[in-house]
Amino acid sequence: MGGHSLGGTAASMVDGPRVAGLLLWASYPADDQSGRDVPTLSVSGDRDGLATPDDISATAARLPAGARSVVVTGGVHAFFGDYGEQPGDGVAGVDRASAQRQTVEASRGFVDAIR
């Protein structure tokens, strides 16, 4: 189960035997998920102006125990999708293709590990 931004917040609320893992892109849970036993990966951008590095850090304790995190250096919120610039986002320090490649590699490695 996974999602970007608010989609990741919603995904973190889904629980049950069919959830093999939780993958959050520029997102964090709205409530405490630390008691869940589900592999989790949080991928964030260090220049994200919406799910800021401070937001990601401040909510890390809400993630399931053992959650891993990957930071896309120079990545902004909009680079986790492909919908153009977004008001309030940060200024990218890397090109979109490089940021998305880092996101895909981290995500693919996580999904392969929990299969």
PDB file of N, CA and C in Angstrom:
ATOM      1  N   MET A   1       0.867  -1.150   0.000  1.00  0.00           N
ATOM      2  CA  MET A   1       0.000   0.000   0.000  1.00  0.00           C
ATOM      3  C   MET A   1       0.913   1.212   0.000  1.00  0.00           C
ATOM      4  N   GLY A   2       0.557   2.204  -0.781  1.00  0.00           N
ATOM      5  CA  GLY A   2       1.410   3.381  -0.797  1.00  0.00           C
ATOM      6  C   GLY A   2       0.725   4.569  -1.427  1.00  0.00           C
ATOM      7  N   GLY A   3       1.379   5.712  -1.319  1.00  0.00           N
ATOM      8  CA  GLY A   3       0.845   6.908  -1.933  1.00  0.00           C
ATOM      9  C   GLY A   3       1.760   8.094  -1.772  1.00  0.00           C
ATOM     10  N   HIS A   4       1.444   9.107  -2.564  1.00  0.00           N
ATOM     11  CA  HIS A   4       2.180  10.368  -2.554  1.00  0.00           C
ATOM     12  C   HIS A   4       1.359  11.428  -1.828  1.00  0.00           C
ATOM     13  N   SER A   5       2.011  12.167  -0.953  1.00  0.00           N
ATOM     14  CA  SER A   5       1.393  13.291  -0.265  1.00  0.00           C
ATOM     15  C   SER A   5       0.174  12.831   0.536  1.00  0.00           C
ATOM     16  N   LEU A   6      -0.978  13.430   0.298  1.00  0.00           N
ATOM     17  CA  LEU A   6      -2.189  13.037   1.027  1.00  0.00           C
ATOM     18  C   LEU A   6      -2.555  11.574   0.741  1.00  0.00           C
ATOM     19  N   GLY A   7      -2.205  11.081  -0.440  1.00  0.00           N
ATOM     20  CA  GLY A   7      -2.449   9.671  -0.763  1.00  0.00           C
ATOM     21  C   GLY A   7      -1.674   8.742   0.152  1.00  0.00           C
ATOM     22  N   GLY A   8      -0.470   9.142   0.542  1.00  0.00           N
ATOM     23  CA  GLY A   8       0.304   8.344   1.494  1.00  0.00           C
ATOM     24  C   GLY A   8      -0.287   8.382   2.883  1.00  0.00           C
ATOM     25  N   THR A   9      -0.810   9.545   3.260  1.00  0.00           N
ATOM     26  CA  THR A   9      -1.477   9.659   4.555  1.00  0.00           C
ATOM     27  C   THR A   9      -2.671   8.718   4.603  1.00  0.00           C
ATOM     28  N   ALA A  10      -3.458   8.706   3.536  1.00  0.00           N
ATOM     29  CA  ALA A  10      -4.613   7.801   3.462  1.00  0.00           C
ATOM     30  C   ALA A  10      -4.154   6.346   3.455  1.00  0.00           C
ATOM     31  N   ALA A  11      -3.109   6.041   2.706  1.00  0.00           N
ATOM     32  CA  ALA A  11      -2.607   4.660   2.635  1.00  0.00           C
ATOM     33  C   ALA A  11      -2.164   4.163   4.004  1.00  0.00           C
ATOM     34  N   SER A  12      -1.612   5.047   4.822  1.00  0.00           N
ATOM     35  CA  SER A  12      -1.138   4.616   6.143  1.00  0.00           C
ATOM     36  C   SER A  12      -2.288   4.225   7.069  1.00  0.00           C
ATOM     37  N   MET A  13      -3.503   4.602   6.724  1.00  0.00           N
ATOM     38  CA  MET A  13      -4.668   4.261   7.545  1.00  0.00           C
ATOM     39  C   MET A  13      -5.245   2.892   7.210  1.00  0.00           C
ATOM     40  N   VAL A  14      -4.790   2.303   6.111  1.00  0.00           N
ATOM     41  CA  VAL A  14      -5.301   0.999   5.688  1.00  0.00           C
ATOM     42  C   VAL A  14      -4.484  -0.081   6.383  1.00  0.00           C
ATOM     43  N   ASP A  15      -5.181  -1.008   6.990  1.00  0.00           N
ATOM     44  CA  ASP A  15      -4.513  -2.096   7.695  1.00  0.00           C
ATOM     45  C   ASP A  15      -5.220  -3.396   7.341  1.00  0.00           C
ATOM     46  N   GLY A  16      -4.550  -4.478   7.538  1.00  0.00           N
ATOM     47  CA  GLY A  16      -5.151  -5.776   7.287  1.00  0.00           C
ATOM     48  C   GLY A  16      -4.149  -6.741   6.704  1.00  0.00           C
ATOM     49  N   PRO A  17      -4.544  -7.984   6.578  1.00  0.00           N
ATOM     50  CA  PRO A  17      -3.613  -9.028   6.134  1.00  0.00           C
ATOM     51  C   PRO A  17      -3.123  -8.853   4.698  1.00  0.00           C
ATOM     52  N   ARG A  18      -3.826  -8.107   3.891  1.00  0.00           N
ATOM     53  CA  ARG A  18      -3.398  -7.926   2.497  1.00  0.00           C
ATOM     54  C   ARG A  18      -2.370  -6.814   2.331  1.00  0.00           C
ATOM     55  N   VAL A  19      -2.073  -6.067   3.382  1.00  0.00           N
ATOM     56  CA  VAL A  19      -1.078  -4.996   3.328  1.00  0.00           C
ATOM     57  C   VAL A  19       0.281  -5.607   3.667  1.00  0.00           C
ATOM     58  N   ALA A  20       1.112  -5.772   2.634  1.00  0.00           N
ATOM     59  CA  ALA A  20       2.428  -6.382   2.813  1.00  0.00           C
ATOM     60  C   ALA A  20       3.488  -5.356   3.187  1.00  0.00           C
ATOM     61  N   GLY A  21       3.203  -4.079   2.923  1.00  0.00           N
ATOM     62  CA  GLY A  21       4.160  -3.026   3.226  1.00  0.00           C
ATOM     63  C   GLY A  21       3.511  -1.672   3.028  1.00  0.00           C
ATOM     64  N   LEU A  22       4.190  -0.653   3.507  1.00  0.00           N
ATOM     65  CA  LEU A  22       3.706   0.717   3.391  1.00  0.00           C
ATOM     66  C   LEU A  22       4.810   1.551   2.762  1.00  0.00           C
ATOM     67  N   LEU A  23       4.483   2.211   1.658  1.00  0.00           N
ATOM     68  CA  LEU A  23       5.438   3.023   0.914  1.00  0.00           C
ATOM     69  C   LEU A  23       4.902   4.442   0.824  1.00  0.00           C
ATOM     70  N   LEU A  24       5.637   5.378   1.422  1.00  0.00           N
ATOM     71  CA  LEU A  24       5.207   6.772   1.471  1.00  0.00           C
ATOM     72  C   LEU A  24       6.155   7.637   0.650  1.00  0.00           C
ATOM     73  N   TRP A  25       5.600   8.375  -0.289  1.00  0.00           N
ATOM     74  CA  TRP A  25       6.382   9.313  -1.096  1.00  0.00           C
ATOM     75  C   TRP A  25       5.983  10.725  -0.671  1.00  0.00           C
ATOM     76  N   ALA A  26       6.933  11.467  -0.087  1.00  0.00           N
ATOM     77  CA  ALA A  26       6.686  12.846   0.349  1.00  0.00           C
ATOM     78  C   ALA A  26       5.422  12.901   1.200  1.00  0.00           C
ATOM     79  N   SER A  27       5.377  12.035   2.195  1.00  0.00           N
ATOM     80  CA  SER A  27       4.159  11.861   2.985  1.00  0.00           C
ATOM     81  C   SER A  27       4.505  11.350   4.370  1.00  0.00           C
ATOM     82  N   TYR A  28       3.506  11.388   5.231  1.00  0.00           N
ATOM     83  CA  TYR A  28       3.667  10.871   6.585  1.00  0.00           C
ATOM     84  C   TYR A  28       2.284  10.562   7.142  1.00  0.00           C
ATOM     85  N   PRO A  29       2.207   9.662   8.127  1.00  0.00           N
ATOM     86  CA  PRO A  29       0.893   9.310   8.683  1.00  0.00           C
ATOM     87  C   PRO A  29       0.321  10.436   9.539  1.00  0.00           C
ATOM     88  N   ALA A  30      -0.987  10.537   9.525  1.00  0.00           N
ATOM     89  CA  ALA A  30      -1.675  11.542  10.336  1.00  0.00           C
ATOM     90  C   ALA A  30      -1.745  11.121  11.802  1.00  0.00           C
ATOM     91  N   ASP A  31      -1.694   9.808  12.034  1.00  0.00           N
ATOM     92  CA  ASP A  31      -1.783   9.314  13.407  1.00  0.00           C
ATOM     93  C   ASP A  31      -0.659   8.321  13.669  1.00  0.00           C
ATOM     94  N   ASP A  32      -0.571   7.854  14.876  1.00  0.00           N
ATOM     95  CA  ASP A  32       0.514   6.973  15.302  1.00  0.00           C
ATOM     96  C   ASP A  32       0.358   5.574  14.702  1.00  0.00           C
ATOM     97  N   GLN A  33       1.314   5.184  13.912  1.00  0.00           N
ATOM     98  CA  GLN A  33       1.352   3.851  13.303  1.00  0.00           C
ATOM     99  C   GLN A  33       2.505   3.016  13.868  1.00  0.00           C
ATOM    100  N   SER A  34       3.132   3.513  14.916  1.00  0.00           N
ATOM    101  CA  SER A  34       4.345   2.877  15.430  1.00  0.00           C
ATOM    102  C   SER A  34       4.128   1.462  15.968  1.00  0.00           C
ATOM    103  N   GLY A  35       2.910   1.115  16.308  1.00  0.00           N
ATOM    104  CA  GLY A  35       2.630  -0.226  16.815  1.00  0.00           C
ATOM    105  C   GLY A  35       2.378  -1.253  15.728  1.00  0.00           C
ATOM    106  N   ARG A  36       2.303  -0.820  14.494  1.00  0.00           N
ATOM    107  CA  ARG A  36       2.048  -1.757  13.386  1.00  0.00           C
ATOM    108  C   ARG A  36       3.291  -2.553  13.048  1.00  0.00           C
ATOM    109  N   ASP A  37       3.084  -3.782  12.646  1.00  0.00           N
ATOM    110  CA  ASP A  37       4.166  -4.649  12.197  1.00  0.00           C
ATOM    111  C   ASP A  37       4.071  -4.767  10.690  1.00  0.00           C
ATOM    112  N   VAL A  38       4.529  -3.718   9.993  1.00  0.00           N
ATOM    113  CA  VAL A  38       4.477  -3.706   8.533  1.00  0.00           C
ATOM    114  C   VAL A  38       5.740  -3.016   8.022  1.00  0.00           C
ATOM    115  N   PRO A  39       6.458  -3.668   7.097  1.00  0.00           N
ATOM    116  CA  PRO A  39       7.632  -3.014   6.522  1.00  0.00           C
ATOM    117  C   PRO A  39       7.223  -1.671   5.918  1.00  0.00           C
ATOM    118  N   THR A  40       8.041  -0.653   6.144  1.00  0.00           N
ATOM    119  CA  THR A  40       7.698   0.698   5.701  1.00  0.00           C
ATOM    120  C   THR A  40       8.912   1.404   5.138  1.00  0.00           C
ATOM    121  N   LEU A  41       8.683   2.131   4.040  1.00  0.00           N
ATOM    122  CA  LEU A  41       9.706   2.985   3.458  1.00  0.00           C
ATOM    123  C   LEU A  41       9.115   4.366   3.240  1.00  0.00           C
ATOM    124  N   SER A  42       9.831   5.366   3.720  1.00  0.00           N
ATOM    125  CA  SER A  42       9.475   6.768   3.498  1.00  0.00           C
ATOM    126  C   SER A  42      10.522   7.370   2.566  1.00  0.00           C
ATOM    127  N   VAL A  43      10.072   7.872   1.420  1.00  0.00           N
ATOM    128  CA  VAL A  43      10.963   8.534   0.469  1.00  0.00           C
ATOM    129  C   VAL A  43      10.560  10.004   0.436  1.00  0.00           C
ATOM    130  N   SER A  44      11.506  10.875   0.696  1.00  0.00           N
ATOM    131  CA  SER A  44      11.208  12.302   0.759  1.00  0.00           C
ATOM    132  C   SER A  44      12.277  13.104   0.029  1.00  0.00           C
ATOM    133  N   GLY A  45      11.954  14.361  -0.244  1.00  0.00           N
ATOM    134  CA  GLY A  45      12.905  15.256  -0.892  1.00  0.00           C
ATOM    135  C   GLY A  45      13.432  16.281   0.096  1.00  0.00           C
ATOM    136  N   ASP A  46      14.716  16.564   0.024  1.00  0.00           N
ATOM    137  CA  ASP A  46      15.290  17.495   0.992  1.00  0.00           C
ATOM    138  C   ASP A  46      15.012  18.967   0.669  1.00  0.00           C
ATOM    139  N   ARG A  47      14.319  19.213  -0.455  1.00  0.00           N
ATOM    140  CA  ARG A  47      13.923  20.587  -0.790  1.00  0.00           C
ATOM    141  C   ARG A  47      12.412  20.709  -0.956  1.00  0.00           C
ATOM    142  N   ASP A  48      11.697  19.735  -0.439  1.00  0.00           N
ATOM    143  CA  ASP A  48      10.233  19.712  -0.529  1.00  0.00           C
ATOM    144  C   ASP A  48       9.670  20.850   0.317  1.00  0.00           C
ATOM    145  N   GLY A  49       8.845  21.691  -0.301  1.00  0.00           N
ATOM    146  CA  GLY A  49       8.251  22.804   0.416  1.00  0.00           C
ATOM    147  C   GLY A  49       6.901  22.494   1.022  1.00  0.00           C
ATOM    148  N   LEU A  50       6.354  21.292   0.763  1.00  0.00           N
ATOM    149  CA  LEU A  50       5.015  20.925   1.244  1.00  0.00           C
ATOM    150  C   LEU A  50       5.079  19.847   2.317  1.00  0.00           C
ATOM    151  N   ALA A  51       5.711  18.744   2.047  1.00  0.00           N
ATOM    152  CA  ALA A  51       6.024  17.751   3.080  1.00  0.00           C
ATOM    153  C   ALA A  51       7.492  18.003   3.400  1.00  0.00           C
ATOM    154  N   THR A  52       7.731  19.053   4.166  1.00  0.00           N
ATOM    155  CA  THR A  52       9.089  19.546   4.384  1.00  0.00           C
ATOM    156  C   THR A  52       9.956  18.542   5.142  1.00  0.00           C
ATOM    157  N   PRO A  53      11.272  18.695   5.030  1.00  0.00           N
ATOM    158  CA  PRO A  53      12.142  17.834   5.830  1.00  0.00           C
ATOM    159  C   PRO A  53      11.825  17.911   7.323  1.00  0.00           C
ATOM    160  N   ASP A  54      11.447  19.086   7.807  1.00  0.00           N
ATOM    161  CA  ASP A  54      11.066  19.212   9.218  1.00  0.00           C
ATOM    162  C   ASP A  54       9.799  18.408   9.521  1.00  0.00           C
ATOM    163  N   ASP A  55       8.811  18.433   8.607  1.00  0.00           N
ATOM    164  CA  ASP A  55       7.590  17.633   8.782  1.00  0.00           C
ATOM    165  C   ASP A  55       7.923  16.147   8.826  1.00  0.00           C
ATOM    166  N   ILE A  56       8.755  15.712   7.893  1.00  0.00           N
ATOM    167  CA  ILE A  56       9.127  14.295   7.806  1.00  0.00           C
ATOM    168  C   ILE A  56       9.837  13.876   9.091  1.00  0.00           C
ATOM    169  N   SER A  57      10.756  14.700   9.561  1.00  0.00           N
ATOM    170  CA  SER A  57      11.495  14.401  10.789  1.00  0.00           C
ATOM    171  C   SER A  57      10.576  14.392  12.011  1.00  0.00           C
ATOM    172  N   ALA A  58       9.692  15.373  12.095  1.00  0.00           N
ATOM    173  CA  ALA A  58       8.800  15.501  13.255  1.00  0.00           C
ATOM    174  C   ALA A  58       7.794  14.361  13.358  1.00  0.00           C
ATOM    175  N   THR A  59       7.497  13.703  12.257  1.00  0.00           N
ATOM    176  CA  THR A  59       6.508  12.625  12.260  1.00  0.00           C
ATOM    177  C   THR A  59       7.134  11.235  12.155  1.00  0.00           C
ATOM    178  N   ALA A  60       8.447  11.161  12.137  1.00  0.00           N
ATOM    179  CA  ALA A  60       9.127   9.869  11.988  1.00  0.00           C
ATOM    180  C   ALA A  60       8.737   8.879  13.075  1.00  0.00           C
ATOM    181  N   ALA A  61       8.496   9.351  14.280  1.00  0.00           N
ATOM    182  CA  ALA A  61       8.121   8.449  15.382  1.00  0.00           C
ATOM    183  C   ALA A  61       6.740   7.830  15.179  1.00  0.00           C
ATOM    184  N   ARG A  62       5.938   8.384  14.290  1.00  0.00           N
ATOM    185  CA  ARG A  62       4.605   7.820  13.991  1.00  0.00           C
ATOM    186  C   ARG A  62       4.670   6.630  13.040  1.00  0.00           C
ATOM    187  N   LEU A  63       5.804   6.453  12.373  1.00  0.00           N
ATOM    188  CA  LEU A  63       5.943   5.356  11.409  1.00  0.00           C
ATOM    189  C   LEU A  63       6.046   4.024  12.129  1.00  0.00           C
ATOM    190  N   PRO A  64       5.672   2.939  11.453  1.00  0.00           N
ATOM    191  CA  PRO A  64       5.853   1.621  12.061  1.00  0.00           C
ATOM    192  C   PRO A  64       7.314   1.391  12.449  1.00  0.00           C
ATOM    193  N   ALA A  65       7.509   0.655  13.520  1.00  0.00           N
ATOM    194  CA  ALA A  65       8.858   0.357  14.002  1.00  0.00           C
ATOM    195  C   ALA A  65       9.689  -0.246  12.873  1.00  0.00           C
ATOM    196  N   GLY A  66      10.934   0.157  12.801  1.00  0.00           N
ATOM    197  CA  GLY A  66      11.833  -0.377  11.787  1.00  0.00           C
ATOM    198  C   GLY A  66      11.704   0.280  10.430  1.00  0.00           C
ATOM    199  N   ALA A  67      10.900   1.331  10.315  1.00  0.00           N
ATOM    200  CA  ALA A  67      10.726   2.014   9.031  1.00  0.00           C
ATOM    201  C   ALA A  67      12.069   2.530   8.527  1.00  0.00           C
ATOM    202  N   ARG A  68      12.241   2.421   7.229  1.00  0.00           N
ATOM    203  CA  ARG A  68      13.439   2.952   6.578  1.00  0.00           C
ATOM    204  C   ARG A  68      13.077   4.267   5.898  1.00  0.00           C
ATOM    205  N   SER A  69      14.076   5.098   5.704  1.00  0.00           N
ATOM    206  CA  SER A  69      13.835   6.342   4.974  1.00  0.00           C
ATOM    207  C   SER A  69      14.940   6.577   3.964  1.00  0.00           C
ATOM    208  N   VAL A  70      14.542   7.173   2.849  1.00  0.00           N
ATOM    209  CA  VAL A  70      15.466   7.563   1.794  1.00  0.00           C
ATOM    210  C   VAL A  70      15.164   9.013   1.472  1.00  0.00           C
ATOM    211  N   VAL A  71      16.206   9.828   1.407  1.00  0.00           N
ATOM    212  CA  VAL A  71      16.044  11.237   1.068  1.00  0.00           C
ATOM    213  C   VAL A  71      16.602  11.465  -0.329  1.00  0.00           C
ATOM    214  N   VAL A  72      15.771  12.015  -1.191  1.00  0.00           N
ATOM    215  CA  VAL A  72      16.190  12.365  -2.545  1.00  0.00           C
ATOM    216  C   VAL A  72      16.837  13.749  -2.465  1.00  0.00           C
ATOM    217  N   THR A  73      18.136  13.783  -2.625  1.00  0.00           N
ATOM    218  CA  THR A  73      18.877  15.033  -2.542  1.00  0.00           C
ATOM    219  C   THR A  73      18.472  15.962  -3.673  1.00  0.00           C
ATOM    220  N   GLY A  74      18.016  17.161  -3.304  1.00  0.00           N
ATOM    221  CA  GLY A  74      17.571  18.145  -4.292  1.00  0.00           C
ATOM    222  C   GLY A  74      16.138  17.974  -4.737  1.00  0.00           C
ATOM    223  N   GLY A  75      15.452  16.953  -4.202  1.00  0.00           N
ATOM    224  CA  GLY A  75      14.089  16.639  -4.625  1.00  0.00           C
ATOM    225  C   GLY A  75      13.048  17.551  -4.013  1.00  0.00           C
ATOM    226  N   VAL A  76      12.014  17.853  -4.792  1.00  0.00           N
ATOM    227  CA  VAL A  76      10.878  18.663  -4.345  1.00  0.00           C
ATOM    228  C   VAL A  76       9.603  17.830  -4.412  1.00  0.00           C
ATOM    229  N   HIS A  77       8.540  18.353  -3.850  1.00  0.00           N
ATOM    230  CA  HIS A  77       7.271  17.633  -3.762  1.00  0.00           C
ATOM    231  C   HIS A  77       6.748  17.193  -5.133  1.00  0.00           C
ATOM    232  N   ALA A  78       6.765  18.096  -6.088  1.00  0.00           N
ATOM    233  CA  ALA A  78       6.197  17.811  -7.410  1.00  0.00           C
ATOM    234  C   ALA A  78       6.966  16.730  -8.173  1.00  0.00           C
ATOM    235  N   PHE A  79       8.208  16.465  -7.777  1.00  0.00           N
ATOM    236  CA  PHE A  79       8.993  15.449  -8.484  1.00  0.00           C
ATOM    237  C   PHE A  79       8.565  14.026  -8.144  1.00  0.00           C
ATOM    238  N   PHE A  80       7.698  13.862  -7.141  1.00  0.00           N
ATOM    239  CA  PHE A  80       7.185  12.535  -6.828  1.00  0.00           C
ATOM    240  C   PHE A  80       6.017  12.182  -7.733  1.00  0.00           C
ATOM    241  N   GLY A  81       5.597  13.121  -8.534  1.00  0.00           N
ATOM    242  CA  GLY A  81       4.578  12.930  -9.559  1.00  0.00           C
ATOM    243  C   GLY A  81       5.100  13.556 -10.832  1.00  0.00           C
ATOM    244  N   ASP A  82       4.215  13.840 -11.733  1.00  0.00           N
ATOM    245  CA  ASP A  82       4.628  14.476 -12.985  1.00  0.00           C
ATOM    246  C   ASP A  82       3.537  15.445 -13.417  1.00  0.00           C
ATOM    247  N   TYR A  83       3.228  16.395 -12.526  1.00  0.00           N
ATOM    248  CA  TYR A  83       2.126  17.316 -12.771  1.00  0.00           C
ATOM    249  C   TYR A  83       2.579  18.766 -12.836  1.00  0.00           C
ATOM    250  N   GLY A  84       3.871  18.996 -12.962  1.00  0.00           N
ATOM    251  CA  GLY A  84       4.384  20.356 -13.063  1.00  0.00           C
ATOM    252  C   GLY A  84       4.643  20.973 -11.706  1.00  0.00           C
ATOM    253  N   GLU A  85       4.966  22.255 -11.733  1.00  0.00           N
ATOM    254  CA  GLU A  85       5.269  22.971 -10.499  1.00  0.00           C
ATOM    255  C   GLU A  85       4.033  23.099  -9.627  1.00  0.00           C
ATOM    256  N   GLN A  86       4.265  23.191  -8.331  1.00  0.00           N
ATOM    257  CA  GLN A  86       3.170  23.291  -7.371  1.00  0.00           C
ATOM    258  C   GLN A  86       3.440  24.492  -6.458  1.00  0.00           C
ATOM    259  N   PRO A  87       2.452  25.372  -6.288  1.00  0.00           N
ATOM    260  CA  PRO A  87       2.647  26.527  -5.411  1.00  0.00           C
ATOM    261  C   PRO A  87       3.069  26.095  -4.007  1.00  0.00           C
ATOM    262  N   GLY A  88       4.061  26.783  -3.462  1.00  0.00           N
ATOM    263  CA  GLY A  88       4.541  26.489  -2.123  1.00  0.00           C
ATOM    264  C   GLY A  88       5.653  25.466  -2.062  1.00  0.00           C
ATOM    265  N   ASP A  89       5.932  24.818  -3.188  1.00  0.00           N
ATOM    266  CA  ASP A  89       6.991  23.807  -3.212  1.00  0.00           C
ATOM    267  C   ASP A  89       8.353  24.494  -3.142  1.00  0.00           C
ATOM    268  N   GLY A  90       9.374  23.714  -2.855  1.00  0.00           N
ATOM    269  CA  GLY A  90      10.731  24.238  -2.798  1.00  0.00           C
ATOM    270  C   GLY A  90      11.333  24.389  -4.183  1.00  0.00           C
ATOM    271  N   VAL A  91      12.576  24.822  -4.209  1.00  0.00           N
ATOM    272  CA  VAL A  91      13.327  24.983  -5.445  1.00  0.00           C
ATOM    273  C   VAL A  91      14.209  23.757  -5.619  1.00  0.00           C
ATOM    274  N   ALA A  92      14.027  23.056  -6.717  1.00  0.00           N
ATOM    275  CA  ALA A  92      14.758  21.813  -6.963  1.00  0.00           C
ATOM    276  C   ALA A  92      16.263  22.053  -7.043  1.00  0.00           C
ATOM    277  N   GLY A  93      17.006  21.071  -6.573  1.00  0.00           N
ATOM    278  CA  GLY A  93      18.457  21.104  -6.662  1.00  0.00           C
ATOM    279  C   GLY A  93      18.970  19.978  -7.537  1.00  0.00           C
ATOM    280  N   VAL A  94      18.049  19.337  -8.256  1.00  0.00           N
ATOM    281  CA  VAL A  94      18.360  18.220  -9.142  1.00  0.00           C
ATOM    282  C   VAL A  94      17.294  18.231 -10.235  1.00  0.00           C
ATOM    283  N   ASP A  95      17.583  17.641 -11.364  1.00  0.00           N
ATOM    284  CA  ASP A  95      16.564  17.588 -12.412  1.00  0.00           C
ATOM    285  C   ASP A  95      15.524  16.515 -12.098  1.00  0.00           C
ATOM    286  N   ARG A  96      14.339  16.679 -12.667  1.00  0.00           N
ATOM    287  CA  ARG A  96      13.215  15.777 -12.407  1.00  0.00           C
ATOM    288  C   ARG A  96      13.576  14.316 -12.687  1.00  0.00           C
ATOM    289  N   ALA A  97      14.220  14.056 -13.809  1.00  0.00           N
ATOM    290  CA  ALA A  97      14.550  12.676 -14.191  1.00  0.00           C
ATOM    291  C   ALA A  97      15.459  12.015 -13.158  1.00  0.00           C
ATOM    292  N   SER A  98      16.451  12.745 -12.661  1.00  0.00           N
ATOM    293  CA  SER A  98      17.354  12.179 -11.648  1.00  0.00           C
ATOM    294  C   SER A  98      16.613  11.903 -10.340  1.00  0.00           C
ATOM    295  N   ALA A  99      15.767  12.850  -9.935  1.00  0.00           N
ATOM    296  CA  ALA A  99      14.996  12.664  -8.702  1.00  0.00           C
ATOM    297  C   ALA A  99      14.060  11.470  -8.831  1.00  0.00           C
ATOM    298  N   GLN A 100      13.386  11.373  -9.960  1.00  0.00           N
ATOM    299  CA  GLN A 100      12.455  10.257 -10.144  1.00  0.00           C
ATOM    300  C   GLN A 100      13.198   8.929 -10.248  1.00  0.00           C
ATOM    301  N   ARG A 101      14.383   8.937 -10.825  1.00  0.00           N
ATOM    302  CA  ARG A 101      15.177   7.706 -10.889  1.00  0.00           C
ATOM    303  C   ARG A 101      15.527   7.238  -9.472  1.00  0.00           C
ATOM    304  N   GLN A 102      15.928   8.162  -8.602  1.00  0.00           N
ATOM    305  CA  GLN A 102      16.238   7.812  -7.214  1.00  0.00           C
ATOM    306  C   GLN A 102      15.008   7.250  -6.498  1.00  0.00           C
ATOM    307  N   THR A 103      13.863   7.864  -6.748  1.00  0.00           N
ATOM    308  CA  THR A 103      12.611   7.421  -6.120  1.00  0.00           C
ATOM    309  C   THR A 103      12.246   6.023  -6.597  1.00  0.00           C
ATOM    310  N   VAL A 104      12.344   5.793  -7.888  1.00  0.00           N
ATOM    311  CA  VAL A 104      12.010   4.478  -8.454  1.00  0.00           C
ATOM    312  C   VAL A 104      12.958   3.408  -7.916  1.00  0.00           C
ATOM    313  N   GLU A 105      14.250   3.703  -7.876  1.00  0.00           N
ATOM    314  CA  GLU A 105      15.216   2.718  -7.394  1.00  0.00           C
ATOM    315  C   GLU A 105      14.940   2.337  -5.938  1.00  0.00           C
ATOM    316  N   ALA A 106      14.693   3.332  -5.099  1.00  0.00           N
ATOM    317  CA  ALA A 106      14.408   3.054  -3.692  1.00  0.00           C
ATOM    318  C   ALA A 106      13.114   2.254  -3.553  1.00  0.00           C
ATOM    319  N   SER A 107      12.099   2.646  -4.309  1.00  0.00           N
ATOM    320  CA  SER A 107      10.795   1.982  -4.235  1.00  0.00           C
ATOM    321  C   SER A 107      10.880   0.552  -4.743  1.00  0.00           C
ATOM    322  N   ARG A 108      11.555   0.366  -5.848  1.00  0.00           N
ATOM    323  CA  ARG A 108      11.696  -0.975  -6.422  1.00  0.00           C
ATOM    324  C   ARG A 108      12.455  -1.891  -5.460  1.00  0.00           C
ATOM    325  N   GLY A 109      13.506  -1.390  -4.854  1.00  0.00           N
ATOM    326  CA  GLY A 109      14.261  -2.188  -3.893  1.00  0.00           C
ATOM    327  C   GLY A 109      13.403  -2.590  -2.704  1.00  0.00           C
ATOM    328  N   PHE A 110      12.588  -1.672  -2.234  1.00  0.00           N
ATOM    329  CA  PHE A 110      11.697  -1.966  -1.112  1.00  0.00           C
ATOM    330  C   PHE A 110      10.665  -3.031  -1.491  1.00  0.00           C
ATOM    331  N   VAL A 111      10.009  -2.853  -2.623  1.00  0.00           N
ATOM    332  CA  VAL A 111       8.979  -3.811  -3.052  1.00  0.00           C
ATOM    333  C   VAL A 111       9.604  -5.181  -3.287  1.00  0.00           C
ATOM    334  N   ASP A 112      10.763  -5.231  -3.920  1.00  0.00           N
ATOM    335  CA  ASP A 112      11.430  -6.517  -4.154  1.00  0.00           C
ATOM    336  C   ASP A 112      11.766  -7.212  -2.824  1.00  0.00           C
ATOM    337  N   ALA A 113      12.151  -6.434  -1.827  1.00  0.00           N
ATOM    338  CA  ALA A 113      12.549  -7.015  -0.528  1.00  0.00           C
ATOM    339  C   ALA A 113      11.363  -7.584   0.248  1.00  0.00           C
ATOM    340  N   ILE A 114      10.168  -7.055   0.039  1.00  0.00           N
ATOM    341  CA  ILE A 114       9.029  -7.550   0.828  1.00  0.00           C
ATOM    342  C   ILE A 114       8.199  -8.593   0.082  1.00  0.00           C
ATOM    343  N   ARG A 115       8.569  -8.892  -1.138  1.00  0.00           N
ATOM    344  CA  ARG A 115       7.819  -9.922  -1.892  1.00  0.00           C
ATOM    345  C   ARG A 115       8.020 -11.283  -1.297  1.00  0.00           C
TER     346      ARG A 115
END
